[in-house]
Amino acid sequence: MHLPGLDNHAMGTIFEELVRRFNEENNEEAGEHWTPRDAVKLMATLVFLPIADKVESGTYLIYDGACGTGGMLTVAEETLRRLAKERGKEVATHLYGQEINAETYAICKADLLLKGEGEAADNLVGGPEHSTLSNDAFPSRDFDFMLSNPPYGKSWKSDLERMGSKEGIKDPRFVIEHGTISSFRSSPGLPTGRCSSWPIC
């Protein structure tokens, strides 16, 4: 019996289910590798619905600093476009992502290329050297929206060392302004060495 080919969404769902099952069998936390599609849709709704009436026609940049296979980026894009269309607005989106896991980064990039979104694929960076904490791939970019599900419970000690330790961090993302005095503090500006709710620990 010949079955029709699956679309991108269905293939992504199958992949995510396989990752979840594999990680459970190896006693790994599935949330480190996979975010359930329903959770992604809920996150996108929570981000966009409260401001949907304020969205104007135009171009918006969406960023995911732990993009995995890109599911959160594409769901965010779909949600923003749908809500804008329902309100008579036309929006264009540019997706940006960063991913430390080389395999999931490759899947994300391939998915966008197969969909004919080469420009979006060019806005992705990935591999072990691309931790969003210690190696911000887009330091000069301002994004309109950001959604991420970072790998909770993972140690970021090596990132901290590459960043110059808590006392030596100069990355402006982690500088907290107190009046006219710039200072660093461990919470909420910096996560602890091992964190259950990164980046606000």
Protein backbone atom coordinates (compact mmCIF):
# COMPACT_ATOMS: atom_id res chain seq x y z
CA MET A 1 0.00 0.00 0.00
CA HIS A 2 1.46 3.35 -1.08
CA LEU A 3 0.90 6.22 1.36
CA PRO A 4 1.19 9.91 0.47
CA GLY A 5 4.31 11.76 1.58
CA LEU A 6 4.26 13.63 4.87
CA ASP A 7 4.47 17.39 5.07
CA ASN A 8 7.12 19.27 7.06
CA HIS A 9 5.00 19.54 10.18
CA ALA A 10 4.28 15.81 10.27
CA MET A 11 7.94 14.93 9.71
CA GLY A 12 8.96 17.29 12.49
CA THR A 13 6.41 15.73 14.84
CA ILE A 14 7.69 12.22 14.08
CA PHE A 15 11.29 13.31 14.61
CA GLU A 16 10.45 14.98 17.93
CA GLU A 17 8.57 11.89 19.13
CA LEU A 18 11.54 9.66 18.27
CA VAL A 19 13.92 12.01 20.10
CA ARG A 20 11.64 12.04 23.15
CA ARG A 21 11.37 8.24 23.28
CA PHE A 22 15.10 7.73 22.74
CA ASN A 23 15.99 10.14 25.52
CA GLU A 24 13.52 8.57 27.95
CA GLU A 25 15.06 5.14 27.31
CA ASN A 26 18.50 6.56 28.07
CA ASN A 27 17.33 8.25 31.26
CA GLU A 28 17.92 11.68 29.77
CA GLU A 29 15.54 14.56 30.27
CA ALA A 30 13.44 14.89 27.14
CA GLY A 31 13.09 18.63 27.75
CA GLU A 32 16.80 19.02 27.12
CA HIS A 33 16.29 18.05 23.49
CA TRP A 34 12.64 18.44 22.62
CA THR A 35 9.77 20.81 23.33
CA PRO A 36 6.30 19.31 22.79
CA ARG A 37 4.49 20.96 19.88
CA ASP A 38 1.52 21.90 22.07
CA ALA A 39 3.89 23.72 24.45
CA VAL A 40 5.44 25.59 21.51
CA LYS A 41 2.00 26.66 20.25
CA LEU A 42 1.06 27.83 23.73
CA MET A 43 4.29 29.82 24.05
CA ALA A 44 3.75 31.48 20.68
CA THR A 45 0.17 32.34 21.60
CA LEU A 46 1.27 33.82 24.94
CA VAL A 47 3.88 35.95 23.17
CA PHE A 48 1.79 37.26 20.28
CA LEU A 49 -1.86 37.30 21.34
CA PRO A 50 -1.56 40.08 23.97
CA ILE A 51 0.01 42.44 21.44
CA ALA A 52 -1.79 41.20 18.31
CA ASP A 53 -3.86 44.41 17.97
CA LYS A 54 -0.67 46.49 18.08
CA VAL A 55 1.10 44.62 15.26
CA GLU A 56 1.38 46.80 12.19
CA SER A 57 2.09 45.76 8.62
CA GLY A 58 5.83 45.43 8.21
CA THR A 59 8.82 43.18 8.75
CA TYR A 60 9.59 41.43 12.03
CA LEU A 61 12.67 39.57 13.21
CA ILE A 62 12.16 36.46 15.35
CA TYR A 63 15.01 34.85 17.29
CA ASP A 64 15.49 31.57 19.13
CA GLY A 65 18.78 31.22 21.00
CA ALA A 66 18.31 27.48 21.51
CA CYS A 67 16.51 26.70 18.25
CA GLY A 68 16.96 22.93 18.07
CA THR A 69 15.26 21.70 14.91
CA GLY A 70 13.53 25.06 14.39
CA GLY A 71 10.02 24.14 15.49
CA MET A 72 9.63 27.14 17.77
CA LEU A 73 10.75 29.53 15.03
CA THR A 74 8.32 28.19 12.44
CA VAL A 75 5.39 28.04 14.89
CA ALA A 76 6.14 31.61 16.00
CA GLU A 77 6.24 32.74 12.38
CA GLU A 78 2.95 31.01 11.58
CA THR A 79 1.26 32.44 14.68
CA LEU A 80 2.38 36.00 14.02
CA ARG A 81 1.33 35.86 10.37
CA ARG A 82 -2.06 34.34 11.23
CA LEU A 83 -2.86 36.89 13.93
CA ALA A 84 -1.78 39.76 11.68
CA LYS A 85 -3.87 38.48 8.76
CA GLU A 86 -6.93 38.16 11.00
CA ARG A 87 -6.53 41.87 11.74
CA GLY A 88 -6.03 42.93 8.14
CA LYS A 89 -2.26 43.40 8.41
CA GLU A 90 0.49 42.01 6.20
CA VAL A 91 3.72 40.99 7.86
CA ALA A 92 6.99 39.56 6.62
CA THR A 93 9.25 37.67 8.98
CA HIS A 94 12.94 36.91 9.16
CA LEU A 95 13.95 33.98 11.34
CA TYR A 96 17.22 33.84 13.26
CA GLY A 97 18.47 30.94 15.32
CA GLN A 98 21.44 29.65 17.24
CA GLU A 99 21.93 26.04 18.32
CA ILE A 100 24.77 24.33 20.19
CA ASN A 101 23.87 20.78 19.08
CA ALA A 102 25.31 20.18 15.60
CA GLU A 103 22.78 17.48 14.65
CA THR A 104 19.64 19.42 15.51
CA TYR A 105 21.14 22.55 13.93
CA ALA A 106 21.68 20.60 10.69
CA ILE A 107 18.08 19.39 10.72
CA CYS A 108 16.81 22.93 11.26
CA LYS A 109 18.91 24.30 8.43
CA ALA A 110 17.98 21.46 6.08
CA ASP A 111 14.28 21.93 6.86
CA LEU A 112 14.42 25.60 5.87
CA LEU A 113 16.42 24.83 2.72
CA LEU A 114 13.93 22.15 1.67
CA LYS A 115 11.10 24.64 2.15
CA GLY A 116 12.91 27.05 -0.18
CA GLU A 117 13.75 29.48 2.61
CA GLY A 118 17.46 29.82 1.87
CA GLU A 119 17.68 33.32 3.33
CA ALA A 120 16.28 32.10 6.65
CA ALA A 121 18.69 29.16 6.57
CA ASP A 122 21.55 31.64 6.25
CA ASN A 123 20.37 33.27 9.49
CA LEU A 124 21.05 30.10 11.49
CA VAL A 125 24.31 29.25 13.19
CA GLY A 126 25.16 26.10 15.05
CA GLY A 127 27.63 23.67 16.48
CA PRO A 128 29.42 23.17 19.80
CA GLU A 129 31.17 26.53 19.56
CA HIS A 130 27.87 28.42 19.22
CA SER A 131 26.56 28.49 22.77
CA THR A 132 24.18 31.43 22.96
CA LEU A 133 25.62 32.29 26.39
CA SER A 134 29.32 32.59 25.58
CA ASN A 135 29.18 33.22 21.83
CA ASP A 136 26.33 35.50 20.82
CA ALA A 137 26.05 35.05 17.05
CA PHE A 138 24.05 38.25 16.52
CA PRO A 139 25.51 40.90 18.87
CA SER A 140 24.61 43.84 16.65
CA ARG A 141 21.06 42.68 15.86
CA ASP A 142 17.90 43.79 17.63
CA PHE A 143 15.02 41.32 17.41
CA ASP A 144 11.33 42.06 17.63
CA PHE A 145 10.49 38.74 19.28
CA MET A 146 12.42 35.99 21.01
CA LEU A 147 11.23 32.55 22.07
CA SER A 148 13.50 29.89 23.54
CA ASN A 149 13.40 26.69 25.51
CA PRO A 150 16.96 26.44 26.82
CA PRO A 151 18.33 23.10 28.08
CA TYR A 152 17.31 23.30 31.73
CA GLY A 153 19.59 21.69 34.27
CA LYS A 154 22.68 21.83 32.08
CA SER A 155 25.89 23.13 33.57
CA TRP A 156 27.23 26.29 31.94
CA LYS A 157 30.54 26.28 33.81
CA SER A 158 32.54 26.08 30.57
CA ASP A 159 30.55 29.03 29.17
CA LEU A 160 31.30 31.03 32.29
CA GLU A 161 35.02 30.34 31.92
CA ARG A 162 34.97 31.43 28.26
CA MET A 163 33.11 34.59 29.26
CA GLY A 164 35.78 35.55 31.80
CA SER A 165 34.13 34.39 35.06
CA LYS A 166 31.38 36.30 36.85
CA GLU A 167 33.73 39.09 37.85
CA GLY A 168 35.15 39.51 34.33
CA ILE A 169 32.02 39.33 32.17
CA LYS A 170 31.76 42.22 29.74
CA ASP A 171 28.90 40.92 27.59
CA PRO A 172 26.29 43.72 27.67
CA ARG A 173 23.47 41.16 27.84
CA PHE A 174 24.54 40.40 31.40
CA VAL A 175 25.30 43.90 32.63
CA ILE A 176 22.73 45.25 35.05
CA GLU A 177 22.46 49.02 35.29
CA HIS A 178 21.86 50.43 38.78
CA GLY A 179 21.36 54.15 38.29
CA THR A 180 24.67 55.45 37.00
CA ILE A 181 26.70 52.49 38.26
CA SER A 182 27.21 49.42 36.06
CA SER A 183 27.63 46.22 38.02
CA PHE A 184 27.34 42.49 37.64
CA ARG A 185 25.19 40.35 39.85
CA SER A 186 24.52 36.63 39.92
CA SER A 187 20.75 36.93 39.82
CA PRO A 188 18.90 37.66 37.65
CA GLY A 189 21.66 38.92 35.37
CA LEU A 190 23.67 35.71 35.47
CA PRO A 191 22.59 32.13 36.02
CA THR A 192 24.19 30.04 38.71
CA GLY A 193 26.62 27.32 37.61
CA ARG A 194 23.79 24.81 37.21
CA CYS A 195 20.35 26.16 36.64
CA SER A 196 16.79 24.91 36.63
CA SER A 197 15.29 28.04 35.12
CA TRP A 198 17.91 29.58 32.82
CA PRO A 199 18.56 32.46 32.33
CA ILE A 200 16.68 33.78 35.36
CA CYS A 201 17.94 31.65 38.26
